[in-house]
Amino acid sequence: MSVPRPGRPVRGSSTGRPLMAALDLFGRRWNLRIVWELRHGAVGFRALQQRCDDMSSSVLRQRLTELLDAGLVEQRPDAAYALTELGHGAYRALRPLARWSGEWASAQVVDDPPGASD
């Protein structure tokens, strides 16, 4: 699968709008999680894999390749992965969503599991 790019059709949209390309990129499983896990600094491959619930190494490699190609992640000379300035911008854009998700979670009605009120 090719890396989504602004100005080109992407999954779910033929408009080429930058937002649609970003949504396609971040809608791919694990990409948001990788950006989130790199928010505090560079991490080696194995440590990143562990932070991402031990996802398979082939999937992590594929997702890192996409994020490298998109310019959000860089691989440092010590082989660790880190966010680029563009990647840090993506993280900053996600912080309001993270705050909102806490509000959303608090507003959800939690159903008792079957038999809990018996």
C-alpha atoms as a PDB file:
ATOM      1  CA  MET A   1       0.000   0.000   0.000  1.00  0.00           C
ATOM      2  CA  SER A   2       1.421   3.391  -0.927  1.00  0.00           C
ATOM      3  CA  VAL A   3       1.862   6.228   1.541  1.00  0.00           C
ATOM      4  CA  PRO A   4      -1.006   8.745   1.372  1.00  0.00           C
ATOM      5  CA  ARG A   5       0.048  12.100  -0.050  1.00  0.00           C
ATOM      6  CA  PRO A   6      -1.810  15.407  -0.230  1.00  0.00           C
ATOM      7  CA  GLY A   7      -2.857  16.183  -3.780  1.00  0.00           C
ATOM      8  CA  ARG A   8      -3.468  12.526  -4.638  1.00  0.00           C
ATOM      9  CA  PRO A   9      -6.522  10.321  -4.244  1.00  0.00           C
ATOM     10  CA  VAL A  10      -6.476   8.269  -1.032  1.00  0.00           C
ATOM     11  CA  ARG A  11      -8.662   5.619   0.558  1.00  0.00           C
ATOM     12  CA  GLY A  12     -12.133   7.094   0.914  1.00  0.00           C
ATOM     13  CA  SER A  13     -11.497  10.290  -1.058  1.00  0.00           C
ATOM     14  CA  SER A  14     -10.484  11.339  -4.528  1.00  0.00           C
ATOM     15  CA  THR A  15     -10.192  15.048  -3.621  1.00  0.00           C
ATOM     16  CA  GLY A  16      -6.497  15.122  -2.773  1.00  0.00           C
ATOM     17  CA  ARG A  17      -7.217  17.284   0.265  1.00  0.00           C
ATOM     18  CA  PRO A  18      -4.408  17.230   2.830  1.00  0.00           C
ATOM     19  CA  LEU A  19      -6.832  16.361   5.645  1.00  0.00           C
ATOM     20  CA  MET A  20      -8.055  13.297   3.770  1.00  0.00           C
ATOM     21  CA  ALA A  21      -4.482  12.129   3.186  1.00  0.00           C
ATOM     22  CA  ALA A  22      -3.686  12.634   6.885  1.00  0.00           C
ATOM     23  CA  LEU A  23      -6.810  10.723   7.919  1.00  0.00           C
ATOM     24  CA  ASP A  24      -5.820   7.882   5.607  1.00  0.00           C
ATOM     25  CA  LEU A  25      -2.292   7.786   7.046  1.00  0.00           C
ATOM     26  CA  PHE A  26      -3.442   7.931  10.669  1.00  0.00           C
ATOM     27  CA  GLY A  27      -6.324   5.568  10.023  1.00  0.00           C
ATOM     28  CA  ARG A  28      -3.894   2.769   9.307  1.00  0.00           C
ATOM     29  CA  ARG A  29      -3.582   0.452  12.251  1.00  0.00           C
ATOM     30  CA  TRP A  30      -0.773   1.366  14.666  1.00  0.00           C
ATOM     31  CA  ASN A  31       0.338   4.631  12.983  1.00  0.00           C
ATOM     32  CA  LEU A  32      -1.259   6.886  15.600  1.00  0.00           C
ATOM     33  CA  ARG A  33       0.030   4.660  18.374  1.00  0.00           C
ATOM     34  CA  ILE A  34       3.588   4.853  17.033  1.00  0.00           C
ATOM     35  CA  VAL A  35       3.449   8.662  16.898  1.00  0.00           C
ATOM     36  CA  TRP A  36       2.028   8.681  20.432  1.00  0.00           C
ATOM     37  CA  GLU A  37       4.744   6.380  21.775  1.00  0.00           C
ATOM     38  CA  LEU A  38       7.512   8.488  20.204  1.00  0.00           C
ATOM     39  CA  ARG A  39       6.210  11.740  21.691  1.00  0.00           C
ATOM     40  CA  HIS A  40       8.770  11.847  24.518  1.00  0.00           C
ATOM     41  CA  GLY A  41      11.849  10.989  22.482  1.00  0.00           C
ATOM     42  CA  ALA A  42      13.760   8.457  20.449  1.00  0.00           C
ATOM     43  CA  VAL A  43      13.127   4.755  21.000  1.00  0.00           C
ATOM     44  CA  GLY A  44      14.780   1.659  19.574  1.00  0.00           C
ATOM     45  CA  PHE A  45      12.851  -0.837  17.468  1.00  0.00           C
ATOM     46  CA  ARG A  46      12.385  -3.490  20.166  1.00  0.00           C
ATOM     47  CA  ALA A  47      11.402  -0.966  22.852  1.00  0.00           C
ATOM     48  CA  LEU A  48       8.885   0.595  20.470  1.00  0.00           C
ATOM     49  CA  GLN A  49       7.520  -2.846  19.664  1.00  0.00           C
ATOM     50  CA  GLN A  50       7.024  -3.516  23.391  1.00  0.00           C
ATOM     51  CA  ARG A  51       5.327  -0.147  23.910  1.00  0.00           C
ATOM     52  CA  CYS A  52       2.940  -1.061  21.109  1.00  0.00           C
ATOM     53  CA  ASP A  53       1.718  -4.224  22.827  1.00  0.00           C
ATOM     54  CA  ASP A  54       4.315  -6.427  21.113  1.00  0.00           C
ATOM     55  CA  MET A  55       2.925  -5.970  17.622  1.00  0.00           C
ATOM     56  CA  SER A  56       4.615  -8.148  15.047  1.00  0.00           C
ATOM     57  CA  SER A  57       7.993  -6.936  13.841  1.00  0.00           C
ATOM     58  CA  SER A  58       6.871  -7.067  10.197  1.00  0.00           C
ATOM     59  CA  VAL A  59       3.882  -4.795  10.883  1.00  0.00           C
ATOM     60  CA  LEU A  60       6.009  -2.381  12.910  1.00  0.00           C
ATOM     61  CA  ARG A  61       8.595  -2.270  10.135  1.00  0.00           C
ATOM     62  CA  GLN A  62       5.871  -1.565   7.547  1.00  0.00           C
ATOM     63  CA  ARG A  63       4.292   1.186   9.646  1.00  0.00           C
ATOM     64  CA  LEU A  64       7.642   2.798  10.400  1.00  0.00           C
ATOM     65  CA  THR A  65       8.426   2.778   6.678  1.00  0.00           C
ATOM     66  CA  GLU A  66       5.138   4.595   6.001  1.00  0.00           C
ATOM     67  CA  LEU A  67       5.817   7.170   8.713  1.00  0.00           C
ATOM     68  CA  LEU A  68       9.417   7.623   7.511  1.00  0.00           C
ATOM     69  CA  ASP A  69       8.184   8.154   3.933  1.00  0.00           C
ATOM     70  CA  ALA A  70       5.562  10.621   5.172  1.00  0.00           C
ATOM     71  CA  GLY A  71       8.266  12.620   6.971  1.00  0.00           C
ATOM     72  CA  LEU A  72       6.824  12.155  10.469  1.00  0.00           C
ATOM     73  CA  VAL A  73       9.496   9.812  11.825  1.00  0.00           C
ATOM     74  CA  GLU A  74      13.250   9.636  11.352  1.00  0.00           C
ATOM     75  CA  GLN A  75      15.747   6.908  12.099  1.00  0.00           C
ATOM     76  CA  ARG A  76      18.761   8.207  13.948  1.00  0.00           C
ATOM     77  CA  PRO A  77      22.360   7.038  13.502  1.00  0.00           C
ATOM     78  CA  ASP A  78      22.012   4.919  16.665  1.00  0.00           C
ATOM     79  CA  ALA A  79      19.071   3.153  14.905  1.00  0.00           C
ATOM     80  CA  ALA A  80      16.494   4.652  17.287  1.00  0.00           C
ATOM     81  CA  TYR A  81      13.308   6.140  15.858  1.00  0.00           C
ATOM     82  CA  ALA A  82      12.161   9.660  16.695  1.00  0.00           C
ATOM     83  CA  LEU A  83       9.530  12.145  15.610  1.00  0.00           C
ATOM     84  CA  THR A  84      10.590  14.820  13.143  1.00  0.00           C
ATOM     85  CA  GLU A  85       9.366  18.399  13.563  1.00  0.00           C
ATOM     86  CA  LEU A  86       6.420  17.431  11.369  1.00  0.00           C
ATOM     87  CA  GLY A  87       5.821  14.416  13.602  1.00  0.00           C
ATOM     88  CA  HIS A  88       5.866  16.605  16.711  1.00  0.00           C
ATOM     89  CA  GLY A  89       3.314  18.829  14.983  1.00  0.00           C
ATOM     90  CA  ALA A  90       1.091  15.793  14.461  1.00  0.00           C
ATOM     91  CA  TYR A  91       1.434  14.909  18.143  1.00  0.00           C
ATOM     92  CA  ARG A  92       0.517  18.474  19.162  1.00  0.00           C
ATOM     93  CA  ALA A  93      -2.548  18.232  16.919  1.00  0.00           C
ATOM     94  CA  LEU A  94      -3.560  14.997  18.692  1.00  0.00           C
ATOM     95  CA  ARG A  95      -3.420  16.404  22.231  1.00  0.00           C
ATOM     96  CA  PRO A  96      -6.856  18.091  22.031  1.00  0.00           C
ATOM     97  CA  LEU A  97      -8.319  14.816  20.771  1.00  0.00           C
ATOM     98  CA  ALA A  98      -6.736  13.006  23.724  1.00  0.00           C
ATOM     99  CA  ARG A  99      -8.312  15.525  26.143  1.00  0.00           C
ATOM    100  CA  TRP A 100     -11.687  15.217  24.445  1.00  0.00           C
ATOM    101  CA  SER A 101     -11.523  11.417  24.594  1.00  0.00           C
ATOM    102  CA  GLY A 102     -11.365  11.652  28.399  1.00  0.00           C
ATOM    103  CA  GLU A 103     -14.533  13.765  28.408  1.00  0.00           C
ATOM    104  CA  TRP A 104     -16.181  11.337  26.030  1.00  0.00           C
ATOM    105  CA  ALA A 105     -15.239   8.361  28.194  1.00  0.00           C
ATOM    106  CA  SER A 106     -16.653  10.064  31.296  1.00  0.00           C
ATOM    107  CA  ALA A 107     -19.942  10.716  29.514  1.00  0.00           C
ATOM    108  CA  GLN A 108     -20.448   7.098  28.505  1.00  0.00           C
ATOM    109  CA  VAL A 109     -22.993   5.086  30.429  1.00  0.00           C
ATOM    110  CA  VAL A 110     -21.345   1.963  31.735  1.00  0.00           C
ATOM    111  CA  ASP A 111     -23.670  -1.010  31.625  1.00  0.00           C
ATOM    112  CA  ASP A 112     -23.383  -3.566  34.373  1.00  0.00           C
ATOM    113  CA  PRO A 113     -22.217  -6.935  33.108  1.00  0.00           C
ATOM    114  CA  PRO A 114     -24.927  -9.614  32.991  1.00  0.00           C
ATOM    115  CA  GLY A 115     -25.631 -10.977  36.455  1.00  0.00           C
ATOM    116  CA  ALA A 116     -23.899  -8.096  38.264  1.00  0.00           C
ATOM    117  CA  SER A 117     -27.128  -6.825  39.836  1.00  0.00           C
ATOM    118  CA  ASP A 118     -28.354 -10.280  40.865  1.00  0.00           C
END
